[in-house]
Protein backbone atom coordinates (compact mmCIF):
# COMPACT_ATOMS: atom_id res chain seq x y z
CA UNK A 1 0.00 0.00 0.00
CA UNK A 2 2.95 2.30 0.66
CA UNK A 3 4.09 1.74 -2.92
CA UNK A 4 0.64 2.71 -4.18
CA UNK A 5 0.63 5.92 -2.15
CA UNK A 6 4.11 6.79 -3.42
CA UNK A 7 3.01 6.15 -7.02
CA UNK A 8 -0.08 8.35 -6.64
CA UNK A 9 1.99 11.10 -5.01
CA UNK A 10 4.45 10.97 -7.90
CA UNK A 11 1.59 11.22 -10.41
CA UNK A 12 0.14 14.21 -8.56
CA UNK A 13 3.39 16.17 -8.69
CA UNK A 14 3.68 18.78 -11.41
CA UNK A 15 5.80 17.72 -14.36
CA UNK A 16 6.79 20.57 -16.63
CA UNK A 17 3.68 22.21 -18.02
CA UNK A 18 1.24 19.64 -16.65
CA UNK A 19 -1.82 21.42 -15.30
CA UNK A 20 -4.21 20.32 -12.59
CA UNK A 21 -6.36 18.37 -15.04
CA UNK A 22 -3.44 16.36 -16.43
CA UNK A 23 -2.13 15.60 -12.94
CA UNK A 24 -5.60 14.43 -11.90
CA UNK A 25 -5.77 12.09 -14.89
CA UNK A 26 -2.36 10.68 -14.01
CA UNK A 27 -3.51 10.04 -10.45
CA UNK A 28 -6.62 8.23 -11.69
CA UNK A 29 -4.53 6.21 -14.14
CA UNK A 30 -2.21 5.27 -11.28
CA UNK A 31 -5.17 4.06 -9.22
CA UNK A 32 -6.47 2.01 -12.16
CA UNK A 33 -3.09 0.36 -12.61
CA UNK A 34 -2.58 -0.41 -8.92
CA UNK A 35 -2.60 -4.20 -8.66
CA UNK A 36 -2.25 -3.86 -4.88
CA UNK A 37 -5.96 -2.96 -4.77
CA UNK A 38 -6.89 -6.42 -6.03
CA UNK A 39 -6.60 -7.72 -2.47
CA UNK A 40 -9.68 -5.58 -1.81
CA UNK A 41 -11.51 -5.89 -5.12
CA UNK A 42 -11.45 -9.69 -5.33
CA UNK A 43 -13.28 -10.48 -2.05
CA UNK A 44 -15.68 -7.59 -2.65
CA UNK A 45 -16.42 -8.89 -6.15
CA UNK A 46 -17.15 -12.37 -4.83
CA UNK A 47 -19.42 -10.93 -2.13
CA UNK A 48 -21.45 -8.84 -4.59
CA UNK A 49 -21.72 -11.67 -7.10
CA UNK A 50 -22.87 -13.93 -4.28
CA UNK A 51 -25.86 -11.77 -3.38
CA UNK A 52 -29.09 -13.79 -3.93
CA UNK A 53 -30.59 -11.33 -6.42
CA UNK A 54 -31.85 -13.82 -9.00
CA UNK A 55 -33.53 -12.27 -12.04
CA UNK A 56 -33.49 -8.88 -10.33
CA UNK A 57 -29.78 -8.65 -11.06
CA UNK A 58 -30.43 -8.00 -14.76
CA UNK A 59 -32.89 -5.26 -13.82
CA UNK A 60 -30.28 -3.66 -11.57
CA UNK A 61 -27.83 -3.70 -14.48
CA UNK A 62 -30.45 -1.82 -16.51
CA UNK A 63 -31.03 -4.46 -19.19
CA UNK A 64 -34.74 -3.58 -19.62
CA UNK A 65 -33.73 0.07 -20.20
CA UNK A 66 -30.98 -0.68 -22.68
CA UNK A 67 -28.49 1.31 -20.61
CA UNK A 68 -27.12 1.15 -17.04
CA UNK A 69 -29.62 1.97 -14.30
CA UNK A 70 -27.03 3.36 -11.90
CA UNK A 71 -26.48 6.75 -13.64
CA UNK A 72 -30.24 7.35 -13.62
CA UNK A 73 -30.69 6.55 -9.93
CA UNK A 74 -27.79 8.73 -8.77
CA UNK A 75 -29.74 11.77 -9.99
CA UNK A 76 -32.04 11.39 -6.97
CA UNK A 77 -29.51 11.81 -4.13
CA UNK A 78 -27.29 14.23 -6.01
CA UNK A 79 -30.26 16.37 -7.04
CA UNK A 80 -31.60 16.42 -3.49
CA UNK A 81 -28.20 17.38 -2.05
CA UNK A 82 -27.64 20.11 -4.63
CA UNK A 83 -31.08 21.53 -3.87
CA UNK A 84 -30.33 21.40 -0.14
CA UNK A 85 -27.11 23.35 -0.74
CA UNK A 86 -29.06 26.06 -2.54
CA UNK A 87 -31.60 26.25 0.28
CA UNK A 88 -28.79 26.45 2.83
CA UNK A 89 -28.01 29.85 1.31
CA UNK A 90 -31.61 31.03 1.69
CA UNK A 91 -32.61 32.26 5.18
CA UNK A 92 -35.58 30.46 6.73
CA UNK A 93 -35.21 27.30 4.61
CA UNK A 94 -33.75 25.08 7.33
CA UNK A 95 -36.64 22.59 7.45
CA UNK A 96 -36.83 22.14 3.69
CA UNK A 97 -33.06 21.70 3.45
CA UNK A 98 -33.15 19.06 6.19
CA UNK A 99 -35.85 17.13 4.32
CA UNK A 100 -33.81 17.21 1.11
CA UNK A 101 -30.69 16.01 2.90
CA UNK A 102 -32.71 13.10 4.27
CA UNK A 103 -34.13 12.30 0.83
CA UNK A 104 -30.59 12.19 -0.56
CA UNK A 105 -29.36 9.82 2.14
CA UNK A 106 -32.30 7.44 1.69
CA UNK A 107 -32.21 7.37 -2.12
CA UNK A 108 -28.45 6.82 -2.11
CA UNK A 109 -29.07 3.19 -1.04
CA UNK A 110 -30.68 1.88 -4.29
CA UNK A 111 -28.23 3.93 -6.35
CA UNK A 112 -25.35 2.31 -4.48
CA UNK A 113 -26.78 -1.18 -4.99
CA UNK A 114 -26.98 -0.77 -8.76
CA UNK A 115 -23.46 0.66 -8.76
CA UNK A 116 -22.00 -2.28 -6.85
CA UNK A 117 -23.78 -4.81 -9.09
CA UNK A 118 -22.31 -3.14 -12.18
CA UNK A 119 -18.89 -2.81 -10.54
CA UNK A 120 -18.62 -6.54 -9.83
CA UNK A 121 -18.78 -7.33 -13.59
CA UNK A 122 -16.08 -4.90 -14.74
CA UNK A 123 -12.44 -5.22 -15.74
CA UNK A 124 -9.65 -4.95 -13.17
CA UNK A 125 -8.70 -1.35 -14.04
CA UNK A 126 -12.33 -0.26 -13.90
CA UNK A 127 -12.87 -2.05 -10.58
CA UNK A 128 -9.82 -0.43 -8.96
CA UNK A 129 -10.92 3.03 -10.07
CA UNK A 130 -14.45 2.16 -8.98
CA UNK A 131 -13.19 1.72 -5.42
CA UNK A 132 -12.18 5.38 -5.39
CA UNK A 133 -15.59 6.36 -6.75
CA UNK A 134 -17.32 4.25 -4.09
CA UNK A 135 -15.12 5.62 -1.30
CA UNK A 136 -15.98 9.19 -2.30
CA UNK A 137 -19.70 8.45 -2.35
CA UNK A 138 -19.61 6.54 0.95
CA UNK A 139 -17.87 9.57 2.46
CA UNK A 140 -20.58 11.81 1.01
CA UNK A 141 -23.36 9.66 2.48
CA UNK A 142 -21.65 9.62 5.87
CA UNK A 143 -21.23 13.39 5.91
CA UNK A 144 -24.82 13.96 4.82
CA UNK A 145 -26.04 11.48 7.43
CA UNK A 146 -24.16 13.48 10.07
CA UNK A 147 -25.58 16.66 8.59
CA UNK A 148 -29.11 15.27 8.86
CA UNK A 149 -28.51 14.32 12.50
CA UNK A 150 -27.08 17.76 13.33
CA UNK A 151 -29.99 19.57 11.68
CA UNK A 152 -32.47 17.34 13.54
CA UNK A 153 -30.88 18.49 16.82
CA UNK A 154 -31.22 22.13 15.80
CA UNK A 155 -27.50 22.57 15.02
CA UNK A 156 -28.15 24.15 11.63
CA UNK A 157 -24.73 25.78 11.28
CA UNK A 158 -22.94 22.47 11.78
CA UNK A 159 -25.48 20.76 9.52
CA UNK A 160 -24.78 23.23 6.73
CA UNK A 161 -21.01 22.81 7.11
CA UNK A 162 -21.29 19.03 6.99
CA UNK A 163 -23.63 19.31 4.01
CA UNK A 164 -21.18 21.36 1.98
CA UNK A 165 -18.40 18.91 2.90
CA UNK A 166 -20.66 16.08 1.71
CA UNK A 167 -21.35 17.92 -1.52
CA UNK A 168 -17.61 18.22 -2.12
CA UNK A 169 -17.18 14.47 -1.59
CA UNK A 170 -20.13 13.73 -3.90
CA UNK A 171 -18.68 16.01 -6.59
CA UNK A 172 -15.37 14.17 -6.33
CA UNK A 173 -17.17 10.85 -6.68
CA UNK A 174 -19.10 12.15 -9.68
CA UNK A 175 -15.86 13.22 -11.36
CA UNK A 176 -14.37 9.76 -10.84
CA UNK A 177 -17.61 8.25 -12.14
CA UNK A 178 -17.27 10.33 -15.29
CA UNK A 179 -13.71 9.04 -15.69
CA UNK A 180 -15.04 5.49 -15.38
CA UNK A 181 -17.80 6.02 -17.92
CA UNK A 182 -15.99 8.03 -20.58
CA UNK A 183 -12.25 7.31 -20.26
CA UNK A 184 -12.49 3.68 -19.13
CA UNK A 185 -15.79 2.94 -20.96
CA UNK A 186 -17.43 1.21 -17.99
CA UNK A 187 -21.04 0.45 -18.93
CA UNK A 188 -20.63 1.50 -22.56
CA UNK A 189 -21.85 -0.66 -25.46
CA UNK A 190 -18.66 -2.19 -26.85
CA UNK A 191 -20.32 -3.18 -30.14
CA UNK A 192 -21.53 0.30 -31.13
CA UNK A 193 -18.58 0.86 -33.54
CA UNK A 194 -19.25 -2.36 -35.50
CA UNK A 195 -21.53 -0.81 -38.18
CA UNK A 196 -18.87 1.84 -38.80
CA UNK A 197 -16.06 -0.70 -39.20
CA UNK A 198 -17.73 -3.19 -41.56
CA UNK A 199 -17.63 -2.47 -45.28
CA UNK A 200 -20.99 -2.67 -47.08
CA UNK A 201 -21.77 -5.72 -49.14
CA UNK A 202 -21.36 -9.47 -48.74
CA UNK A 203 -18.26 -10.96 -47.11
CA UNK A 204 -17.17 -14.58 -47.53
CA UNK A 205 -16.61 -16.44 -44.26
CA UNK A 206 -15.65 -19.86 -45.62
CA UNK A 207 -17.09 -23.00 -47.15
CA UNK A 208 -20.34 -24.14 -45.53
CA UNK A 209 -18.88 -27.57 -44.81
CA UNK A 210 -16.24 -25.95 -42.60
CA UNK A 211 -18.84 -25.26 -39.91
CA UNK A 212 -20.04 -28.00 -37.55
CA UNK A 213 -23.69 -27.92 -36.49
CA UNK A 214 -24.08 -26.55 -32.97
CA UNK A 215 -20.46 -25.44 -32.57
CA UNK A 216 -19.11 -21.91 -32.42
CA UNK A 217 -16.58 -20.71 -34.98
CA UNK A 218 -14.72 -17.42 -35.25
CA UNK A 219 -14.17 -15.63 -38.55
CA UNK A 220 -13.26 -12.12 -39.60
CA UNK A 221 -15.29 -9.59 -41.57
CA UNK A 222 -12.61 -7.09 -42.44
CA UNK A 223 -11.18 -6.13 -39.04
CA UNK A 224 -14.30 -7.21 -37.11
CA UNK A 225 -14.37 -10.71 -35.55
CA UNK A 226 -17.67 -12.56 -35.87
CA UNK A 227 -19.25 -15.63 -34.29
CA UNK A 228 -20.60 -18.21 -36.75
CA UNK A 229 -22.98 -20.96 -35.62
CA UNK A 230 -24.69 -23.47 -37.90
CA UNK A 231 -27.91 -24.23 -36.02
CA UNK A 232 -29.14 -26.89 -38.43
CA UNK A 233 -28.31 -28.04 -41.92
CA UNK A 234 -28.06 -24.86 -43.99
CA UNK A 235 -29.24 -22.51 -41.21
CA UNK A 236 -26.48 -20.15 -40.07
CA UNK A 237 -26.31 -17.38 -37.50
CA UNK A 238 -23.60 -14.73 -37.50
CA UNK A 239 -23.13 -12.21 -34.69
CA UNK A 240 -20.39 -9.77 -33.76
CA UNK A 241 -18.00 -11.90 -31.69
CA UNK A 242 -16.96 -9.34 -29.06
CA UNK A 243 -19.58 -9.08 -26.29
CA UNK A 244 -21.34 -5.72 -26.01
CA UNK A 245 -20.75 -5.71 -22.26
CA UNK A 246 -16.97 -6.05 -21.95
CA UNK A 247 -15.70 -7.38 -25.30
CA UNK A 248 -15.61 -11.03 -24.21
CA UNK A 249 -15.11 -13.58 -27.03
CA UNK A 250 -18.51 -15.16 -27.66
CA UNK A 251 -16.90 -17.76 -29.94
CA UNK A 252 -15.38 -19.25 -26.77
CA UNK A 253 -18.74 -19.35 -25.01
CA UNK A 254 -21.37 -22.06 -24.60
CA UNK A 255 -23.95 -22.66 -27.34
CA UNK A 256 -27.27 -23.96 -25.99
CA UNK A 257 -31.02 -23.49 -26.53
CA UNK A 258 -30.52 -21.14 -29.46
CA UNK A 259 -28.30 -18.80 -27.41
CA UNK A 260 -24.63 -18.12 -26.75
CA UNK A 261 -23.29 -17.34 -23.28
CA UNK A 262 -20.31 -15.02 -22.93
CA UNK A 263 -17.46 -16.82 -21.11
CA UNK A 264 -16.37 -13.69 -19.23
CA UNK A 265 -19.43 -12.39 -17.35
CA UNK A 266 -22.27 -14.68 -18.38
CA UNK A 267 -24.27 -12.42 -20.68
CA UNK A 268 -26.63 -14.48 -22.86
CA UNK A 269 -27.48 -13.54 -26.46
CA UNK A 270 -30.07 -15.08 -28.76
CA UNK A 271 -28.43 -16.38 -31.93
CA UNK A 272 -31.38 -15.62 -34.20
CA UNK A 273 -31.34 -11.87 -33.62
CA UNK A 274 -28.51 -11.08 -31.19
CA UNK A 275 -30.88 -9.96 -28.44
CA UNK A 276 -29.41 -9.83 -24.92
CA UNK A 277 -31.71 -12.07 -22.90
CA UNK A 278 -29.74 -12.26 -19.65
CA UNK A 279 -26.62 -11.12 -17.83
CA UNK A 280 -24.94 -7.74 -17.37
CA UNK A 281 -24.99 -6.81 -21.08
CA UNK A 282 -27.40 -3.95 -21.72
CA UNK A 283 -27.14 -3.95 -25.54
CA UNK A 284 -27.72 -6.70 -28.14
CA UNK A 285 -25.07 -8.07 -30.48
CA UNK A 286 -25.01 -6.80 -34.07
CA UNK A 287 -26.48 -9.52 -36.29
CA UNK A 288 -25.34 -10.27 -39.83
CA UNK A 289 -27.60 -11.48 -42.62
CA UNK A 290 -26.31 -14.67 -44.25
CA UNK A 291 -26.49 -16.45 -47.59
CA UNK A 292 -24.77 -19.26 -49.47
CA UNK A 293 -23.43 -18.39 -52.90
CA UNK A 294 -23.39 -20.70 -55.91
CA UNK A 295 -19.98 -22.08 -54.99
CA UNK A 296 -21.05 -23.20 -51.51
CA UNK A 297 -19.45 -20.29 -49.64
CA UNK A 298 -21.11 -18.83 -46.55
CA UNK A 299 -21.39 -15.07 -46.84
CA UNK A 300 -22.50 -12.44 -44.36
CA UNK A 301 -23.61 -8.83 -44.62
CA UNK A 302 -24.33 -6.24 -41.93
CA UNK A 303 -27.39 -4.27 -43.08
CA UNK A 304 -26.42 -1.22 -41.03
CA UNK A 305 -22.82 -1.00 -42.27
CA UNK A 306 -22.04 2.58 -43.35
């Protein structure tokens, strides 16, 4: 841990013309690359994955919405706390501010649950950085809880001070969350670029006899890897091979009941249309149309290729 602190301190030091923003990015990159944090992330990951959530887990990931649920739920506590901060500057608004602080503390619980469920299915670098995000938000909740208690006792000055400290912690957590979402692509659809990388028209994948019924095969369409499955004699399904959740290789996954299961995090996709039917993936797999030409070659085409 001492090595980690030294590395972060070195990243935070100014280097030439590096400004505050660049130094902050270097600190966050140092946290993401800190393997020492795996002693914390691994048991936490197992604990979160072991929660008996059943089918609710997919809902918490946001699969019915088509995007992560966590960013939507965090608007409730953050919005309440921001509103409380505004009211703290308005004389005579103590009661309303106290109610908003309480609303933020209570609604932080479901937001945190969705965040932890997402976090447990991420890559190592994302999980390490996610610990910093979680620590900031836990600090914010603790400070706002203390603020709520102080206000309830009539100590409004202390409550306001604790509230502004909590808002600072929440803002820090939000900044780290933005780094996770946009720099580290946590929660982003990894297959979105596929239509922009595939050339229009039909692409030959191989002779039809090369593919065994019920077994996964990997081929390339230009620079895009694809999964090829022959479901029955002459019936082929072709999907983008890299999972939309975290780029796992579907061609190494299990084929069963007309679906493929990603070997990395267990997302399940229907072969016939690429739809994500289970798991942490919140977006379907791009599906290719198929045909067999006169020479017995299997060909595939992505209708949305641009």
